[in-house]
């Protein structure tokens, strides 16, 4: 990603807005200009944009289902 070009485009309103959950280099390095960017049309989340209440509940439900299946039948599921 070309951070400077993105900042210029946001600042000049050539693009309406941008939102990121990850950066071009992870973990982020000190000095990345997007870390300190303070524009109303830019949003940077700390790599947790996926974790809505519904998504977290679905993960918990899947975990419970896996434990119950194993305890009831000694069967694993959703194995990675």
N, C-alpha and C. Protein backbone atom coordinates (compact mmCIF):
# COMPACT_ATOMS: atom_id res chain seq x y z
N UNK A 1 0.84 -1.18 0.00
CA UNK A 1 0.00 0.00 0.00
C UNK A 1 0.89 1.24 0.00
N UNK A 2 0.46 2.23 -0.67
CA UNK A 2 1.18 3.49 -0.72
C UNK A 2 0.48 4.46 0.22
N UNK A 3 0.94 4.47 1.46
CA UNK A 3 0.28 5.25 2.49
C UNK A 3 0.22 6.74 2.15
N UNK A 4 1.30 7.29 1.65
CA UNK A 4 1.33 8.72 1.33
C UNK A 4 0.30 9.07 0.26
N UNK A 5 0.16 8.22 -0.74
CA UNK A 5 -0.82 8.47 -1.80
C UNK A 5 -2.24 8.40 -1.24
N UNK A 6 -2.49 7.46 -0.36
CA UNK A 6 -3.80 7.35 0.26
C UNK A 6 -4.12 8.59 1.08
N UNK A 7 -3.16 9.03 1.88
CA UNK A 7 -3.37 10.23 2.70
C UNK A 7 -3.66 11.44 1.83
N UNK A 8 -2.92 11.60 0.76
CA UNK A 8 -3.14 12.73 -0.15
C UNK A 8 -4.54 12.66 -0.77
N UNK A 9 -4.96 11.47 -1.19
CA UNK A 9 -6.27 11.30 -1.81
C UNK A 9 -7.40 11.59 -0.81
N UNK A 10 -7.22 11.17 0.43
CA UNK A 10 -8.22 11.46 1.46
C UNK A 10 -8.27 12.95 1.77
N UNK A 11 -7.09 13.54 1.89
CA UNK A 11 -6.99 14.96 2.23
C UNK A 11 -7.57 15.85 1.13
N UNK A 12 -7.34 15.48 -0.12
CA UNK A 12 -7.85 16.24 -1.28
C UNK A 12 -9.29 15.86 -1.63
N UNK A 13 -9.84 14.86 -0.93
CA UNK A 13 -11.20 14.36 -1.19
C UNK A 13 -11.34 13.74 -2.58
N UNK A 14 -10.22 13.21 -3.11
CA UNK A 14 -10.32 12.46 -4.37
C UNK A 14 -11.02 11.14 -4.13
N UNK A 15 -10.94 10.65 -2.91
CA UNK A 15 -11.76 9.52 -2.50
C UNK A 15 -12.52 9.95 -1.24
N UNK A 16 -13.73 9.43 -1.09
CA UNK A 16 -14.60 9.90 -0.01
C UNK A 16 -14.13 9.44 1.36
N UNK A 17 -13.57 8.27 1.44
CA UNK A 17 -13.15 7.76 2.73
C UNK A 17 -12.47 6.42 2.60
N UNK A 18 -11.86 6.00 3.68
CA UNK A 18 -11.18 4.70 3.71
C UNK A 18 -11.23 4.16 5.12
N UNK A 19 -11.32 2.84 5.20
CA UNK A 19 -11.27 2.17 6.49
C UNK A 19 -10.43 0.92 6.38
N UNK A 20 -9.60 0.68 7.36
CA UNK A 20 -8.69 -0.47 7.34
C UNK A 20 -8.72 -1.19 8.68
N UNK A 21 -8.58 -2.50 8.60
CA UNK A 21 -8.44 -3.33 9.79
C UNK A 21 -7.02 -3.87 9.88
N UNK A 22 -6.28 -3.82 8.79
CA UNK A 22 -4.89 -4.24 8.76
C UNK A 22 -4.10 -3.20 7.96
N UNK A 23 -2.81 -3.19 8.17
CA UNK A 23 -1.93 -2.28 7.44
C UNK A 23 -1.06 -3.09 6.49
N UNK A 24 -0.28 -2.38 5.69
CA UNK A 24 0.55 -3.06 4.69
C UNK A 24 1.61 -3.94 5.34
N UNK A 25 2.02 -3.61 6.54
CA UNK A 25 2.98 -4.42 7.30
C UNK A 25 2.36 -4.70 8.66
N UNK A 26 2.26 -5.95 9.02
CA UNK A 26 1.74 -6.35 10.33
C UNK A 26 2.80 -7.18 11.04
N UNK A 27 3.04 -6.98 12.31
CA UNK A 27 2.45 -5.92 13.10
C UNK A 27 2.92 -4.55 12.61
N UNK A 28 2.12 -3.52 12.88
CA UNK A 28 2.47 -2.19 12.41
C UNK A 28 3.82 -1.73 12.94
N UNK A 29 4.53 -1.05 12.09
CA UNK A 29 5.84 -0.51 12.50
C UNK A 29 5.69 0.95 12.89
N UNK A 30 6.47 1.36 13.87
CA UNK A 30 6.49 2.77 14.26
C UNK A 30 6.83 3.60 13.03
N UNK A 31 6.18 4.71 12.91
CA UNK A 31 6.44 5.58 11.78
C UNK A 31 5.45 5.43 10.64
N UNK A 32 4.59 4.42 10.69
CA UNK A 32 3.58 4.28 9.64
C UNK A 32 2.65 5.48 9.76
N UNK A 33 2.54 6.28 8.70
CA UNK A 33 1.76 7.52 8.79
C UNK A 33 0.26 7.30 9.04
N UNK A 34 -0.24 6.11 8.76
CA UNK A 34 -1.66 5.85 8.99
C UNK A 34 -1.97 5.69 10.48
N UNK A 35 -0.97 5.35 11.28
CA UNK A 35 -1.20 5.17 12.70
C UNK A 35 -1.58 6.47 13.39
N UNK A 36 -1.06 7.57 12.91
CA UNK A 36 -1.32 8.87 13.53
C UNK A 36 -2.24 9.75 12.70
N UNK A 37 -2.83 9.21 11.66
CA UNK A 37 -3.68 9.99 10.77
C UNK A 37 -4.98 10.38 11.49
N UNK A 38 -5.28 11.66 11.48
CA UNK A 38 -6.48 12.15 12.15
C UNK A 38 -7.33 12.91 11.14
N UNK A 39 -8.06 12.15 10.33
CA UNK A 39 -8.96 12.71 9.34
C UNK A 39 -10.35 12.14 9.58
N UNK A 40 -11.40 12.94 9.40
CA UNK A 40 -12.75 12.43 9.65
C UNK A 40 -13.20 11.36 8.67
N UNK A 41 -12.51 11.24 7.53
CA UNK A 41 -12.90 10.26 6.52
C UNK A 41 -11.96 9.05 6.50
N UNK A 42 -11.28 8.80 7.62
CA UNK A 42 -10.38 7.65 7.72
C UNK A 42 -10.63 6.93 9.04
N UNK A 43 -10.73 5.60 8.95
CA UNK A 43 -10.95 4.78 10.13
C UNK A 43 -9.94 3.63 10.12
N UNK A 44 -9.25 3.46 11.22
CA UNK A 44 -8.31 2.35 11.39
C UNK A 44 -8.69 1.64 12.67
N UNK A 45 -9.04 0.36 12.56
CA UNK A 45 -9.37 -0.43 13.74
C UNK A 45 -8.18 -1.29 14.12
N UNK A 46 -8.09 -1.71 15.37
CA UNK A 46 -6.94 -2.50 15.83
C UNK A 46 -7.06 -3.98 15.50
N UNK A 47 -7.30 -4.29 14.23
CA UNK A 47 -7.36 -5.67 13.72
C UNK A 47 -8.45 -6.49 14.42
N UNK A 48 -9.56 -5.83 14.75
CA UNK A 48 -10.67 -6.51 15.40
C UNK A 48 -12.01 -6.17 14.74
N UNK A 49 -11.98 -5.69 13.52
CA UNK A 49 -13.23 -5.28 12.87
C UNK A 49 -14.19 -6.45 12.71
N UNK A 50 -13.68 -7.66 12.66
CA UNK A 50 -14.52 -8.84 12.48
C UNK A 50 -15.30 -9.18 13.74
N UNK A 51 -14.91 -8.65 14.90
CA UNK A 51 -15.43 -9.15 16.17
C UNK A 51 -16.67 -8.43 16.66
N UNK A 52 -17.70 -8.44 15.85
CA UNK A 52 -18.98 -7.89 16.29
C UNK A 52 -19.54 -8.78 17.40
N UNK A 53 -20.53 -8.30 18.08
CA UNK A 53 -21.17 -9.09 19.13
C UNK A 53 -21.69 -10.40 18.54
N UNK A 54 -22.28 -10.32 17.34
CA UNK A 54 -22.83 -11.52 16.70
C UNK A 54 -21.73 -12.51 16.35
N UNK A 55 -20.61 -12.02 15.83
CA UNK A 55 -19.51 -12.91 15.47
C UNK A 55 -18.92 -13.58 16.70
N UNK A 56 -18.77 -12.84 17.79
CA UNK A 56 -18.24 -13.42 19.02
C UNK A 56 -19.21 -14.46 19.58
N UNK A 57 -20.51 -14.21 19.48
CA UNK A 57 -21.50 -15.18 19.96
C UNK A 57 -21.45 -16.45 19.13
N UNK A 58 -21.28 -16.29 17.80
CA UNK A 58 -21.20 -17.47 16.93
C UNK A 58 -19.98 -18.32 17.29
N UNK A 59 -18.85 -17.68 17.57
CA UNK A 59 -17.65 -18.42 17.99
C UNK A 59 -17.90 -19.17 19.29
N UNK A 60 -18.54 -18.50 20.25
CA UNK A 60 -18.83 -19.16 21.53
C UNK A 60 -19.78 -20.33 21.32
N UNK A 61 -20.79 -20.16 20.49
CA UNK A 61 -21.73 -21.25 20.21
C UNK A 61 -21.03 -22.44 19.56
N UNK A 62 -20.12 -22.18 18.63
CA UNK A 62 -19.39 -23.25 17.97
C UNK A 62 -18.51 -23.99 18.98
N UNK A 63 -17.89 -23.27 19.88
CA UNK A 63 -17.05 -23.89 20.90
C UNK A 63 -17.90 -24.80 21.79
N UNK A 64 -19.03 -24.29 22.23
CA UNK A 64 -19.93 -25.10 23.07
C UNK A 64 -20.39 -26.34 22.31
N UNK A 65 -20.78 -26.19 21.05
CA UNK A 65 -21.19 -27.34 20.24
C UNK A 65 -20.08 -28.37 20.14
N UNK A 66 -18.85 -27.92 19.93
CA UNK A 66 -17.72 -28.84 19.82
C UNK A 66 -17.50 -29.60 21.12
N UNK A 67 -17.55 -28.91 22.24
CA UNK A 67 -17.35 -29.57 23.54
C UNK A 67 -18.47 -30.57 23.82
N UNK A 68 -19.71 -30.16 23.56
CA UNK A 68 -20.85 -31.07 23.79
C UNK A 68 -20.78 -32.29 22.90
N UNK A 69 -20.38 -32.14 21.65
CA UNK A 69 -20.27 -33.28 20.74
C UNK A 69 -19.19 -34.23 21.22
N UNK A 70 -18.09 -33.70 21.68
CA UNK A 70 -17.00 -34.55 22.15
C UNK A 70 -17.42 -35.30 23.42
N UNK A 71 -18.03 -34.60 24.33
CA UNK A 71 -18.44 -35.24 25.59
C UNK A 71 -19.52 -36.29 25.35
N UNK A 72 -20.45 -36.03 24.46
CA UNK A 72 -21.56 -36.95 24.24
C UNK A 72 -21.14 -38.18 23.44
N UNK A 73 -20.30 -37.98 22.45
CA UNK A 73 -20.00 -39.07 21.52
C UNK A 73 -18.50 -39.31 21.34
N UNK A 74 -17.70 -38.55 22.01
CA UNK A 74 -16.26 -38.69 21.83
C UNK A 74 -15.84 -38.31 20.43
N UNK A 75 -16.69 -37.51 19.77
CA UNK A 75 -16.45 -37.15 18.38
C UNK A 75 -15.96 -35.70 18.30
N UNK A 76 -14.93 -35.50 17.51
CA UNK A 76 -14.47 -34.13 17.27
C UNK A 76 -15.15 -33.61 16.02
N UNK A 77 -15.27 -32.30 15.96
CA UNK A 77 -15.83 -31.65 14.78
C UNK A 77 -15.11 -30.33 14.61
N UNK A 78 -15.20 -29.76 13.44
CA UNK A 78 -14.53 -28.49 13.14
C UNK A 78 -13.03 -28.55 13.44
N UNK A 79 -12.42 -29.69 13.10
CA UNK A 79 -10.99 -29.87 13.36
C UNK A 79 -10.20 -29.14 12.29
N UNK A 80 -9.19 -28.42 12.72
CA UNK A 80 -8.32 -27.70 11.79
C UNK A 80 -6.96 -28.32 11.81
